[in-house]
Amino acid sequence: MRTCHNCDAPISANFVRVFGDNDGTLEGCIHCLSSSELTGTDAGRDAPSLQY
């Protein structure tokens, strides 16, 4: 099982696939980042643009 690079908590490959970047890099996990940090620019990813 993979571990978080930030806090060493165990994380699944599916978690990395969903919240990581295209290279499989993950800056943190649900144990050490807030949900907005996981999905927003704080996680090293661009926040999605919303279209109405």
N, C-alpha and C. Protein backbone atom coordinates (compact mmCIF):
# COMPACT_ATOMS: atom_id res chain seq x y z
N MET A 1 0.84 -1.18 0.00
CA MET A 1 0.00 0.00 0.00
C MET A 1 0.89 1.24 0.00
N ARG A 2 0.44 2.25 -0.68
CA ARG A 2 1.18 3.52 -0.75
C ARG A 2 0.99 4.31 0.54
N THR A 3 1.91 5.24 0.78
CA THR A 3 1.79 6.12 1.93
C THR A 3 1.89 7.57 1.48
N CYS A 4 1.32 8.45 2.26
CA CYS A 4 1.36 9.88 2.00
C CYS A 4 2.79 10.39 2.17
N HIS A 5 3.23 11.22 1.26
CA HIS A 5 4.58 11.79 1.34
C HIS A 5 4.69 12.82 2.46
N ASN A 6 3.55 13.34 2.90
CA ASN A 6 3.55 14.40 3.91
C ASN A 6 3.48 13.83 5.33
N CYS A 7 2.58 12.85 5.56
CA CYS A 7 2.38 12.37 6.94
C CYS A 7 2.57 10.87 7.10
N ASP A 8 2.90 10.17 6.03
CA ASP A 8 3.13 8.72 6.04
C ASP A 8 1.90 7.88 6.36
N ALA A 9 0.71 8.45 6.25
CA ALA A 9 -0.52 7.68 6.43
C ALA A 9 -0.73 6.79 5.20
N PRO A 10 -1.30 5.60 5.39
CA PRO A 10 -1.56 4.74 4.23
C PRO A 10 -2.65 5.32 3.34
N ILE A 11 -2.44 5.27 2.03
CA ILE A 11 -3.43 5.75 1.06
C ILE A 11 -3.54 4.73 -0.07
N SER A 12 -4.71 4.66 -0.66
CA SER A 12 -4.93 3.68 -1.73
C SER A 12 -4.50 4.25 -3.08
N ALA A 13 -4.31 3.35 -4.02
CA ALA A 13 -3.98 3.76 -5.39
C ALA A 13 -5.12 4.56 -5.99
N ASN A 14 -6.36 4.22 -5.64
CA ASN A 14 -7.51 4.99 -6.14
C ASN A 14 -7.51 6.41 -5.62
N PHE A 15 -7.10 6.61 -4.37
CA PHE A 15 -7.02 7.95 -3.81
C PHE A 15 -6.00 8.78 -4.58
N VAL A 16 -4.86 8.20 -4.90
CA VAL A 16 -3.83 8.89 -5.68
C VAL A 16 -4.36 9.19 -7.08
N ARG A 17 -5.07 8.26 -7.68
CA ARG A 17 -5.62 8.45 -9.02
C ARG A 17 -6.60 9.62 -9.05
N VAL A 18 -7.42 9.75 -8.01
CA VAL A 18 -8.44 10.80 -7.98
C VAL A 18 -7.85 12.15 -7.59
N PHE A 19 -7.01 12.18 -6.56
CA PHE A 19 -6.54 13.45 -6.01
C PHE A 19 -5.11 13.82 -6.41
N GLY A 20 -4.39 12.91 -7.03
CA GLY A 20 -3.03 13.20 -7.46
C GLY A 20 -3.02 13.90 -8.82
N ASP A 21 -1.83 14.30 -9.25
CA ASP A 21 -1.71 14.92 -10.57
C ASP A 21 -1.51 13.82 -11.62
N ASN A 22 -1.26 14.20 -12.85
CA ASN A 22 -1.13 13.24 -13.95
C ASN A 22 0.07 12.31 -13.79
N ASP A 23 1.04 12.71 -12.98
CA ASP A 23 2.22 11.89 -12.74
C ASP A 23 2.07 10.98 -11.52
N GLY A 24 0.90 11.03 -10.86
CA GLY A 24 0.69 10.23 -9.66
C GLY A 24 1.27 10.85 -8.41
N THR A 25 1.61 12.13 -8.48
CA THR A 25 2.16 12.84 -7.33
C THR A 25 1.03 13.39 -6.47
N LEU A 26 1.14 13.20 -5.19
CA LEU A 26 0.13 13.67 -4.24
C LEU A 26 0.83 14.46 -3.16
N GLU A 27 0.39 15.68 -2.92
CA GLU A 27 1.04 16.56 -1.95
C GLU A 27 0.61 16.28 -0.52
N GLY A 28 -0.46 15.56 -0.32
CA GLY A 28 -0.96 15.26 1.01
C GLY A 28 -2.17 14.35 0.90
N CYS A 29 -2.75 14.02 2.03
CA CYS A 29 -3.90 13.12 2.04
C CYS A 29 -5.00 13.70 2.91
N ILE A 30 -6.06 12.93 3.07
CA ILE A 30 -7.21 13.39 3.84
C ILE A 30 -6.86 13.57 5.32
N HIS A 31 -5.79 12.94 5.77
CA HIS A 31 -5.38 13.05 7.17
C HIS A 31 -4.61 14.34 7.45
N CYS A 32 -3.94 14.90 6.44
CA CYS A 32 -3.10 16.07 6.70
C CYS A 32 -3.49 17.31 5.90
N LEU A 33 -4.47 17.21 4.97
CA LEU A 33 -4.93 18.36 4.20
C LEU A 33 -6.44 18.49 4.33
N SER A 34 -6.93 19.71 4.21
CA SER A 34 -8.38 19.92 4.20
C SER A 34 -8.93 19.53 2.83
N SER A 35 -10.24 19.39 2.74
CA SER A 35 -10.83 19.01 1.45
C SER A 35 -10.59 20.07 0.39
N SER A 36 -10.57 21.34 0.78
CA SER A 36 -10.30 22.39 -0.21
C SER A 36 -8.85 22.35 -0.67
N GLU A 37 -7.94 21.96 0.21
CA GLU A 37 -6.53 21.82 -0.18
C GLU A 37 -6.34 20.64 -1.12
N LEU A 38 -7.10 19.57 -0.91
CA LEU A 38 -6.99 18.40 -1.79
C LEU A 38 -7.47 18.69 -3.19
N THR A 39 -8.52 19.49 -3.32
CA THR A 39 -9.12 19.70 -4.64
C THR A 39 -8.76 21.03 -5.27
N GLY A 40 -8.15 21.93 -4.53
CA GLY A 40 -7.87 23.26 -5.06
C GLY A 40 -6.42 23.49 -5.39
N THR A 41 -6.06 24.74 -5.55
CA THR A 41 -4.71 25.10 -5.95
C THR A 41 -3.69 24.82 -4.86
N ASP A 42 -4.11 24.69 -3.61
CA ASP A 42 -3.16 24.38 -2.54
C ASP A 42 -2.57 22.98 -2.68
N ALA A 43 -3.22 22.13 -3.44
CA ALA A 43 -2.72 20.77 -3.63
C ALA A 43 -1.78 20.68 -4.82
N GLY A 44 -1.43 21.81 -5.41
CA GLY A 44 -0.54 21.80 -6.55
C GLY A 44 -1.25 21.62 -7.87
N ARG A 45 -2.57 21.70 -7.84
CA ARG A 45 -3.36 21.55 -9.05
C ARG A 45 -4.14 22.83 -9.28
N ASP A 46 -4.48 23.09 -10.51
CA ASP A 46 -5.32 24.23 -10.83
C ASP A 46 -6.76 23.90 -10.47
N ALA A 47 -7.43 24.84 -9.85
CA ALA A 47 -8.84 24.64 -9.53
C ALA A 47 -9.64 24.64 -10.83
N PRO A 48 -10.63 23.75 -10.93
CA PRO A 48 -11.42 23.71 -12.17
C PRO A 48 -12.22 24.99 -12.35
N SER A 49 -12.33 25.42 -13.59
CA SER A 49 -13.14 26.60 -13.87
C SER A 49 -14.58 26.17 -14.01
N LEU A 50 -15.46 26.94 -13.44
CA LEU A 50 -16.89 26.63 -13.50
C LEU A 50 -17.53 27.38 -14.64
N GLN A 51 -18.37 26.70 -15.37
CA GLN A 51 -19.12 27.34 -16.45
C GLN A 51 -20.60 27.22 -16.12
N TYR A 52 -21.30 28.32 -16.29
CA TYR A 52 -22.73 28.33 -15.99
C TYR A 52 -23.53 28.35 -17.24
